[in-house]
Amino acid sequence: MSRCQPDFAHGYLYILRWALGADFDLTAFDFHRDVQTVRKTLDGALNATDPDLTPFRDRGGKLLLVHGTADPIIPYTSSVRYYHSVQDRMGDIRDFFRLFLVPGMAHGSGGPGLQDAASTYPASPRDSRHSALFALKEWVETGKAPDALWPVAFQKGNPLSPFLEGSVAYERQILPYPAESEE
């Protein structure tokens, strides 16, 4: 077994230990047997799939969901499906729910395209135009919903680029899903 397989299992599949035990050998995971145990144990606590966000909305909640299209762990289509399920249940949801799909971003950050929309690395601009976290803060505090984000990508070839000032290679405007013409 290569060195990266246990590192991957430990780094990305650690949550399975909550259901299968701290000593469970993740490399021995049986998809026919162990998935059912994991789902039975964790679904109720971890899966945010309820499309009725009425209590959240009625308390003034704002949901800004950002998902990278190059996420190797959770397909971005799951966020699109969730958005539509909330919309089907509640009608027009744009007053409290925005979904931004970030081209080429991986799981939260990194990836072959845009690389930071919410992590706010030191090299990233810290404002509501570039960071979903700052945009959400502004939306909650002022009522101004984000109508676009400008995620950034970092210079290639330097693994420290996200941490070095001046290492943003480019930024790109993204609009909330679905685009106006698709509604």
C-alpha atoms as a PDB file:
ATOM      1  CA  MET A   1       0.000   0.000   0.000  1.00  0.00           C
ATOM      2  CA  SER A   2       1.379   3.413  -0.877  1.00  0.00           C
ATOM      3  CA  ARG A   3       2.073   5.964   1.828  1.00  0.00           C
ATOM      4  CA  CYS A   4      -0.637   8.327   0.533  1.00  0.00           C
ATOM      5  CA  GLN A   5      -3.490   5.819   0.977  1.00  0.00           C
ATOM      6  CA  PRO A   6      -3.347   5.740   4.809  1.00  0.00           C
ATOM      7  CA  ASP A   7      -2.800   9.513   4.858  1.00  0.00           C
ATOM      8  CA  PHE A   8      -5.887   9.988   2.677  1.00  0.00           C
ATOM      9  CA  ALA A   9      -7.935   7.611   4.825  1.00  0.00           C
ATOM     10  CA  HIS A  10      -6.855   9.314   8.029  1.00  0.00           C
ATOM     11  CA  GLY A  11      -7.226  12.846   6.677  1.00  0.00           C
ATOM     12  CA  TYR A  12     -10.455  12.563   4.727  1.00  0.00           C
ATOM     13  CA  LEU A  13     -12.276   9.560   6.124  1.00  0.00           C
ATOM     14  CA  TYR A  14     -11.721  10.214   9.837  1.00  0.00           C
ATOM     15  CA  ILE A  15     -15.440  10.939  10.267  1.00  0.00           C
ATOM     16  CA  LEU A  16     -16.166   7.255   9.614  1.00  0.00           C
ATOM     17  CA  ARG A  17     -14.422   6.447  12.899  1.00  0.00           C
ATOM     18  CA  TRP A  18     -17.296   8.168  14.720  1.00  0.00           C
ATOM     19  CA  ALA A  19     -19.568   5.387  13.524  1.00  0.00           C
ATOM     20  CA  LEU A  20     -17.148   2.477  13.176  1.00  0.00           C
ATOM     21  CA  GLY A  21     -14.879   3.060  16.177  1.00  0.00           C
ATOM     22  CA  ALA A  22     -11.500   4.670  16.730  1.00  0.00           C
ATOM     23  CA  ASP A  23      -9.607   1.452  15.954  1.00  0.00           C
ATOM     24  CA  PHE A  24     -11.426   0.678  12.700  1.00  0.00           C
ATOM     25  CA  ASP A  25      -9.041   0.017   9.804  1.00  0.00           C
ATOM     26  CA  LEU A  26     -10.320   2.408   7.156  1.00  0.00           C
ATOM     27  CA  THR A  27      -8.452   0.528   4.437  1.00  0.00           C
ATOM     28  CA  ALA A  28     -10.731  -2.446   5.179  1.00  0.00           C
ATOM     29  CA  PHE A  29     -13.941  -0.448   4.656  1.00  0.00           C
ATOM     30  CA  ASP A  30     -16.654  -2.658   3.125  1.00  0.00           C
ATOM     31  CA  PHE A  31     -19.060  -0.596   1.035  1.00  0.00           C
ATOM     32  CA  HIS A  32     -21.739  -3.288   1.200  1.00  0.00           C
ATOM     33  CA  ARG A  33     -21.712  -3.595   4.979  1.00  0.00           C
ATOM     34  CA  ASP A  34     -20.140  -0.510   6.558  1.00  0.00           C
ATOM     35  CA  VAL A  35     -22.051   2.163   4.634  1.00  0.00           C
ATOM     36  CA  GLN A  36     -25.289   1.123   6.323  1.00  0.00           C
ATOM     37  CA  THR A  37     -23.687   1.386   9.773  1.00  0.00           C
ATOM     38  CA  VAL A  38     -22.289   4.823   8.990  1.00  0.00           C
ATOM     39  CA  ARG A  39     -25.599   6.099   7.608  1.00  0.00           C
ATOM     40  CA  LYS A  40     -27.610   4.751  10.528  1.00  0.00           C
ATOM     41  CA  THR A  41     -25.235   6.360  13.020  1.00  0.00           C
ATOM     42  CA  LEU A  42     -24.436   9.701  11.377  1.00  0.00           C
ATOM     43  CA  ASP A  43     -27.200  10.733   8.959  1.00  0.00           C
ATOM     44  CA  GLY A  44     -29.433  12.352  11.545  1.00  0.00           C
ATOM     45  CA  ALA A  45     -26.648  14.494  12.961  1.00  0.00           C
ATOM     46  CA  LEU A  46     -24.639  15.344   9.857  1.00  0.00           C
ATOM     47  CA  ASN A  47     -26.873  15.415   6.790  1.00  0.00           C
ATOM     48  CA  ALA A  48     -28.393  18.807   6.158  1.00  0.00           C
ATOM     49  CA  THR A  49     -31.032  17.724   3.687  1.00  0.00           C
ATOM     50  CA  ASP A  50     -34.282  19.085   5.102  1.00  0.00           C
ATOM     51  CA  PRO A  51     -35.707  21.403   2.428  1.00  0.00           C
ATOM     52  CA  ASP A  52     -37.975  23.221   4.865  1.00  0.00           C
ATOM     53  CA  LEU A  53     -35.876  26.161   6.022  1.00  0.00           C
ATOM     54  CA  THR A  54     -38.910  28.163   7.144  1.00  0.00           C
ATOM     55  CA  PRO A  55     -37.841  28.474  10.809  1.00  0.00           C
ATOM     56  CA  PHE A  56     -34.329  29.516   9.729  1.00  0.00           C
ATOM     57  CA  ARG A  57     -35.682  32.099   7.268  1.00  0.00           C
ATOM     58  CA  ASP A  58     -38.268  33.400   9.733  1.00  0.00           C
ATOM     59  CA  ARG A  59     -35.540  34.084  12.300  1.00  0.00           C
ATOM     60  CA  GLY A  60     -33.763  36.238   9.696  1.00  0.00           C
ATOM     61  CA  GLY A  61     -31.234  33.563   8.730  1.00  0.00           C
ATOM     62  CA  LYS A  62     -29.136  33.944   5.596  1.00  0.00           C
ATOM     63  CA  LEU A  63     -27.610  30.938   3.831  1.00  0.00           C
ATOM     64  CA  LEU A  64     -24.716  31.443   1.456  1.00  0.00           C
ATOM     65  CA  LEU A  65     -23.692  28.059   0.045  1.00  0.00           C
ATOM     66  CA  VAL A  66     -20.387  27.924  -1.860  1.00  0.00           C
ATOM     67  CA  HIS A  67     -19.399  24.729  -3.690  1.00  0.00           C
ATOM     68  CA  GLY A  68     -16.416  24.059  -5.930  1.00  0.00           C
ATOM     69  CA  THR A  69     -17.091  22.289  -9.211  1.00  0.00           C
ATOM     70  CA  ALA A  70     -13.843  20.291  -8.823  1.00  0.00           C
ATOM     71  CA  ASP A  71     -14.684  18.987  -5.344  1.00  0.00           C
ATOM     72  CA  PRO A  72     -13.351  15.396  -5.242  1.00  0.00           C
ATOM     73  CA  ILE A  73     -15.274  14.528  -2.082  1.00  0.00           C
ATOM     74  CA  ILE A  74     -18.826  15.886  -2.505  1.00  0.00           C
ATOM     75  CA  PRO A  75     -20.184  16.430  -6.033  1.00  0.00           C
ATOM     76  CA  TYR A  76     -21.354  20.004  -6.575  1.00  0.00           C
ATOM     77  CA  THR A  77     -24.568  18.590  -8.033  1.00  0.00           C
ATOM     78  CA  SER A  78     -25.597  17.630  -4.488  1.00  0.00           C
ATOM     79  CA  SER A  79     -25.711  21.340  -3.593  1.00  0.00           C
ATOM     80  CA  VAL A  80     -27.651  22.091  -6.782  1.00  0.00           C
ATOM     81  CA  ARG A  81     -30.161  19.348  -5.915  1.00  0.00           C
ATOM     82  CA  TYR A  82     -30.498  20.710  -2.388  1.00  0.00           C
ATOM     83  CA  TYR A  83     -31.023  24.264  -3.667  1.00  0.00           C
ATOM     84  CA  HIS A  84     -33.813  23.042  -5.950  1.00  0.00           C
ATOM     85  CA  SER A  85     -35.424  20.976  -3.190  1.00  0.00           C
ATOM     86  CA  VAL A  86     -35.563  24.059  -0.942  1.00  0.00           C
ATOM     87  CA  GLN A  87     -36.910  26.131  -3.844  1.00  0.00           C
ATOM     88  CA  ASP A  88     -39.559  23.488  -4.643  1.00  0.00           C
ATOM     89  CA  ARG A  89     -40.638  23.443  -1.001  1.00  0.00           C
ATOM     90  CA  MET A  90     -40.525  27.188  -0.282  1.00  0.00           C
ATOM     91  CA  GLY A  91     -40.878  29.034  -3.590  1.00  0.00           C
ATOM     92  CA  ASP A  92     -38.723  32.113  -4.131  1.00  0.00           C
ATOM     93  CA  ILE A  93     -35.754  31.712  -1.769  1.00  0.00           C
ATOM     94  CA  ARG A  94     -33.403  34.407  -3.054  1.00  0.00           C
ATOM     95  CA  ASP A  95     -34.190  36.667  -0.094  1.00  0.00           C
ATOM     96  CA  PHE A  96     -32.309  34.294   2.249  1.00  0.00           C
ATOM     97  CA  PHE A  97     -30.491  31.596   0.218  1.00  0.00           C
ATOM     98  CA  ARG A  98     -27.746  32.022  -2.391  1.00  0.00           C
ATOM     99  CA  LEU A  99     -25.738  29.250  -4.041  1.00  0.00           C
ATOM    100  CA  PHE A 100     -22.400  30.030  -5.686  1.00  0.00           C
ATOM    101  CA  LEU A 101     -20.688  27.369  -7.814  1.00  0.00           C
ATOM    102  CA  VAL A 102     -16.965  28.080  -8.052  1.00  0.00           C
ATOM    103  CA  PRO A 103     -15.390  26.805 -11.300  1.00  0.00           C
ATOM    104  CA  GLY A 104     -12.401  24.569 -10.671  1.00  0.00           C
ATOM    105  CA  MET A 105     -12.352  24.899  -6.884  1.00  0.00           C
ATOM    106  CA  ALA A 106     -11.871  21.712  -4.891  1.00  0.00           C
ATOM    107  CA  HIS A 107     -13.306  20.885  -1.444  1.00  0.00           C
ATOM    108  CA  GLY A 108     -13.479  24.320   0.186  1.00  0.00           C
ATOM    109  CA  SER A 109     -10.319  25.642  -1.450  1.00  0.00           C
ATOM    110  CA  GLY A 110      -7.538  24.699  -3.846  1.00  0.00           C
ATOM    111  CA  GLY A 111      -8.104  22.930  -7.129  1.00  0.00           C
ATOM    112  CA  PRO A 112      -7.173  23.487 -10.773  1.00  0.00           C
ATOM    113  CA  GLY A 113      -9.235  26.667 -11.221  1.00  0.00           C
ATOM    114  CA  LEU A 114     -10.359  29.304  -8.789  1.00  0.00           C
ATOM    115  CA  GLN A 115      -8.984  28.370  -5.399  1.00  0.00           C
ATOM    116  CA  ASP A 116     -10.394  30.610  -2.691  1.00  0.00           C
ATOM    117  CA  ALA A 117     -13.924  31.888  -2.270  1.00  0.00           C
ATOM    118  CA  ALA A 118     -14.359  31.501   1.474  1.00  0.00           C
ATOM    119  CA  SER A 119     -11.174  30.277   3.182  1.00  0.00           C
ATOM    120  CA  THR A 120      -9.670  33.767   3.129  1.00  0.00           C
ATOM    121  CA  TYR A 121      -6.029  32.810   2.821  1.00  0.00           C
ATOM    122  CA  PRO A 122      -3.550  35.572   3.672  1.00  0.00           C
ATOM    123  CA  ALA A 123      -2.984  36.289  -0.034  1.00  0.00           C
ATOM    124  CA  SER A 124      -6.727  36.639  -0.696  1.00  0.00           C
ATOM    125  CA  PRO A 125      -8.427  40.020  -0.540  1.00  0.00           C
ATOM    126  CA  ARG A 126     -10.394  40.339   2.696  1.00  0.00           C
ATOM    127  CA  ASP A 127     -13.607  41.991   1.573  1.00  0.00           C
ATOM    128  CA  SER A 128     -17.193  41.113   0.726  1.00  0.00           C
ATOM    129  CA  ARG A 129     -16.434  41.134  -2.993  1.00  0.00           C
ATOM    130  CA  HIS A 130     -13.910  38.280  -2.806  1.00  0.00           C
ATOM    131  CA  SER A 131     -14.835  36.315   0.316  1.00  0.00           C
ATOM    132  CA  ALA A 132     -18.135  34.528   0.860  1.00  0.00           C
ATOM    133  CA  LEU A 133     -17.619  34.865   4.617  1.00  0.00           C
ATOM    134  CA  PHE A 134     -17.372  38.647   4.398  1.00  0.00           C
ATOM    135  CA  ALA A 135     -20.286  38.724   1.931  1.00  0.00           C
ATOM    136  CA  LEU A 136     -22.413  36.706   4.357  1.00  0.00           C
ATOM    137  CA  LYS A 137     -21.472  39.026   7.213  1.00  0.00           C
ATOM    138  CA  GLU A 138     -22.472  42.053   5.138  1.00  0.00           C
ATOM    139  CA  TRP A 139     -25.751  40.381   4.115  1.00  0.00           C
ATOM    140  CA  VAL A 140     -26.652  39.620   7.739  1.00  0.00           C
ATOM    141  CA  GLU A 141     -25.617  43.020   9.077  1.00  0.00           C
ATOM    142  CA  THR A 142     -26.838  45.334   6.308  1.00  0.00           C
ATOM    143  CA  GLY A 143     -29.374  43.290   4.339  1.00  0.00           C
ATOM    144  CA  LYS A 144     -27.317  43.632   1.119  1.00  0.00           C
ATOM    145  CA  ALA A 145     -27.427  40.202  -0.536  1.00  0.00           C
ATOM    146  CA  PRO A 146     -24.382  39.228  -2.599  1.00  0.00           C
ATOM    147  CA  ASP A 147     -25.173  39.455  -6.310  1.00  0.00           C
ATOM    148  CA  ALA A 148     -21.688  38.252  -7.309  1.00  0.00           C
ATOM    149  CA  LEU A 149     -18.438  36.961  -5.830  1.00  0.00           C
ATOM    150  CA  TRP A 150     -14.918  37.311  -7.201  1.00  0.00           C
ATOM    151  CA  PRO A 151     -12.978  34.211  -6.055  1.00  0.00           C
ATOM    152  CA  VAL A 152      -9.223  34.139  -6.691  1.00  0.00           C
ATOM    153  CA  ALA A 153      -6.649  31.709  -8.024  1.00  0.00           C
ATOM    154  CA  PHE A 154      -3.042  31.698  -6.885  1.00  0.00           C
ATOM    155  CA  GLN A 155       0.186  31.593  -8.821  1.00  0.00           C
ATOM    156  CA  LYS A 156       1.183  28.106  -9.911  1.00  0.00           C
ATOM    157  CA  GLY A 157       4.452  26.530  -8.934  1.00  0.00           C
ATOM    158  CA  ASN A 158       4.680  27.867  -5.402  1.00  0.00           C
ATOM    159  CA  PRO A 159       2.890  25.783  -2.754  1.00  0.00           C
ATOM    160  CA  LEU A 160       3.034  28.778  -0.408  1.00  0.00           C
ATOM    161  CA  SER A 161       1.226  31.085  -2.852  1.00  0.00           C
ATOM    162  CA  PRO A 162      -1.992  31.266  -0.797  1.00  0.00           C
ATOM    163  CA  PHE A 163       0.081  32.540   2.118  1.00  0.00           C
ATOM    164  CA  LEU A 164       2.227  35.097   0.282  1.00  0.00           C
ATOM    165  CA  GLU A 165       1.012  38.631  -0.291  1.00  0.00           C
ATOM    166  CA  GLY A 166       0.771  39.507  -3.970  1.00  0.00           C
ATOM    167  CA  SER A 167       0.449  35.902  -5.155  1.00  0.00           C
ATOM    168  CA  VAL A 168      -3.090  36.126  -6.578  1.00  0.00           C
ATOM    169  CA  ALA A 169      -2.818  35.175 -10.245  1.00  0.00           C
ATOM    170  CA  TYR A 170      -6.368  36.127 -11.254  1.00  0.00           C
ATOM    171  CA  GLU A 171      -9.920  36.555 -10.059  1.00  0.00           C
ATOM    172  CA  ARG A 172     -13.190  35.803 -11.810  1.00  0.00           C
ATOM    173  CA  GLN A 173     -16.718  36.977 -11.261  1.00  0.00           C
ATOM    174  CA  ILE A 174     -19.274  34.298 -10.452  1.00  0.00           C
ATOM    175  CA  LEU A 175     -23.005  34.874 -10.137  1.00  0.00           C
ATOM    176  CA  PRO A 176     -25.471  33.094  -7.869  1.00  0.00           C
ATOM    177  CA  TYR A 177     -27.020  29.929  -9.191  1.00  0.00           C
ATOM    178  CA  PRO A 178     -29.221  29.783 -11.178  1.00  0.00           C
ATOM    179  CA  ALA A 179     -28.303  32.520 -13.592  1.00  0.00           C
ATOM    180  CA  GLU A 180     -31.083  35.040 -14.317  1.00  0.00           C
ATOM    181  CA  SER A 181     -31.692  33.509 -17.752  1.00  0.00           C
ATOM    182  CA  GLU A 182     -32.258  30.059 -16.166  1.00  0.00           C
ATOM    183  CA  GLU A 183     -34.947  31.131 -13.686  1.00  0.00           C
END
